[in-house]
Amino acid sequence: MKMKIALLAAVIGTAWISVCQGEPDYLPAVRPLVYFDPGDPAFLPRRFRNHCSFDVTYGRNYCSDRCGSDYQFYYCSRWSSGCCHIGVGYCDPAGLLRCRP
């Protein structure tokens, strides 16, 4: 019985490893170093969740928080937040907001 359980565990573990090989590598210019969207309304504090709409280009919701119609509000930390063009803001490894040109 113990042998069957060990064999089953080995098969499940092998299948799990082959399915979950991790996230593919991306260049920083293609994808930011932080793997969450700091401008997604779910990551914004409640006080910044205003003037929200849906961006058809990127297929997701965003909030402007008085930044302007073609800007998105990004929140990286209590010390770093602000406005960038829609879809180009990201948090660097130090937790500071950066806007790609």
Protein backbone atom coordinates (compact mmCIF):
# COMPACT_ATOMS: atom_id res chain seq x y z
CA MET A 1 0.00 0.00 0.00
CA LYS A 2 2.82 2.43 0.86
CA MET A 3 4.46 1.67 -2.49
CA LYS A 4 1.28 2.60 -4.38
CA ILE A 5 1.02 5.89 -2.47
CA ALA A 6 4.69 6.70 -3.13
CA LEU A 7 4.29 5.87 -6.84
CA LEU A 8 1.14 7.98 -7.10
CA ALA A 9 2.87 10.89 -5.37
CA ALA A 10 5.83 10.61 -7.76
CA VAL A 11 3.54 10.62 -10.81
CA ILE A 12 1.56 13.61 -9.54
CA GLY A 13 4.75 15.49 -8.67
CA THR A 14 6.25 14.85 -12.11
CA ALA A 15 3.05 15.95 -13.84
CA TRP A 16 2.84 19.08 -11.68
CA ILE A 17 6.44 20.07 -12.46
CA SER A 18 5.97 19.54 -16.19
CA VAL A 19 2.79 21.64 -16.26
CA CYS A 20 4.07 24.45 -14.01
CA GLN A 21 7.36 25.33 -15.60
CA GLY A 22 7.17 28.91 -14.47
CA GLU A 23 6.72 32.18 -16.20
CA PRO A 24 8.52 32.77 -19.50
CA ASP A 25 11.43 35.17 -19.58
CA TYR A 26 10.74 38.66 -20.89
CA LEU A 27 12.92 41.62 -21.64
CA PRO A 28 12.37 44.58 -19.30
CA ALA A 29 11.32 46.69 -22.29
CA VAL A 30 8.53 44.22 -23.01
CA ARG A 31 7.40 43.54 -19.46
CA PRO A 32 8.21 45.43 -16.25
CA LEU A 33 10.15 43.76 -13.45
CA VAL A 34 7.12 43.83 -11.16
CA TYR A 35 4.48 41.24 -12.02
CA PHE A 36 1.38 43.13 -10.94
CA ASP A 37 -0.27 46.08 -12.56
CA PRO A 38 0.11 49.07 -10.22
CA GLY A 39 -2.61 50.90 -12.17
CA ASP A 40 -5.20 48.14 -11.92
CA PRO A 41 -8.13 49.35 -9.78
CA ALA A 42 -7.79 46.23 -7.61
CA PHE A 43 -4.31 47.38 -6.48
CA LEU A 44 -5.22 51.04 -5.93
CA PRO A 45 -6.19 52.36 -2.51
CA ARG A 46 -9.88 53.23 -2.37
CA ARG A 47 -9.27 57.01 -2.42
CA PHE A 48 -7.64 56.75 -5.88
CA ARG A 49 -10.38 54.61 -7.46
CA ASN A 50 -12.19 57.39 -9.30
CA HIS A 51 -12.56 58.40 -12.93
CA CYS A 52 -12.25 54.72 -13.92
CA SER A 53 -13.00 53.32 -17.36
CA PHE A 54 -12.19 50.42 -19.69
CA ASP A 55 -9.28 50.61 -22.14
CA VAL A 56 -10.10 48.71 -25.34
CA THR A 57 -6.45 48.72 -26.50
CA TYR A 58 -5.15 46.78 -23.49
CA GLY A 59 -8.48 45.13 -22.63
CA ARG A 60 -8.54 46.09 -18.96
CA ASN A 61 -9.90 48.63 -16.50
CA TYR A 62 -7.89 51.59 -15.27
CA CYS A 63 -8.43 54.71 -13.17
CA SER A 64 -7.30 58.25 -14.01
CA ASP A 65 -7.76 59.93 -10.61
CA ARG A 66 -7.83 63.44 -12.07
CA CYS A 67 -4.74 62.81 -14.28
CA GLY A 68 -6.49 63.47 -17.57
CA SER A 69 -8.37 61.50 -20.18
CA ASP A 70 -5.37 59.73 -21.76
CA TYR A 71 -3.49 59.12 -18.49
CA GLN A 72 -3.60 56.36 -15.90
CA PHE A 73 -2.96 56.66 -12.18
CA TYR A 74 -0.29 54.26 -10.84
CA TYR A 75 0.35 53.42 -7.20
CA CYS A 76 3.64 51.72 -6.29
CA SER A 77 3.89 52.65 -2.60
CA ARG A 78 2.90 55.37 -0.16
CA TRP A 79 5.92 57.33 -1.36
CA SER A 80 5.64 56.75 -5.10
CA SER A 81 2.49 57.19 -7.15
CA GLY A 82 1.38 59.35 -10.03
CA CYS A 83 0.25 59.63 -13.63
CA CYS A 84 1.64 58.07 -16.80
CA HIS A 85 0.16 57.49 -20.22
CA ILE A 86 -2.18 54.50 -20.27
CA GLY A 87 -0.32 51.19 -20.11
CA VAL A 88 3.24 52.52 -19.87
CA GLY A 89 3.75 52.96 -16.12
CA TYR A 90 5.50 50.39 -13.93
CA CYS A 91 7.19 50.04 -10.55
CA ASP A 92 10.95 49.54 -10.56
CA PRO A 93 12.66 47.15 -8.10
CA ALA A 94 13.08 50.00 -5.59
CA GLY A 95 9.30 50.55 -5.57
CA LEU A 96 9.39 53.82 -7.50
CA LEU A 97 7.02 54.71 -10.32
CA ARG A 98 8.56 54.83 -13.79
CA CYS A 99 6.95 55.82 -17.09
CA ARG A 100 8.30 54.30 -20.30
CA PRO A 101 8.60 56.81 -23.14
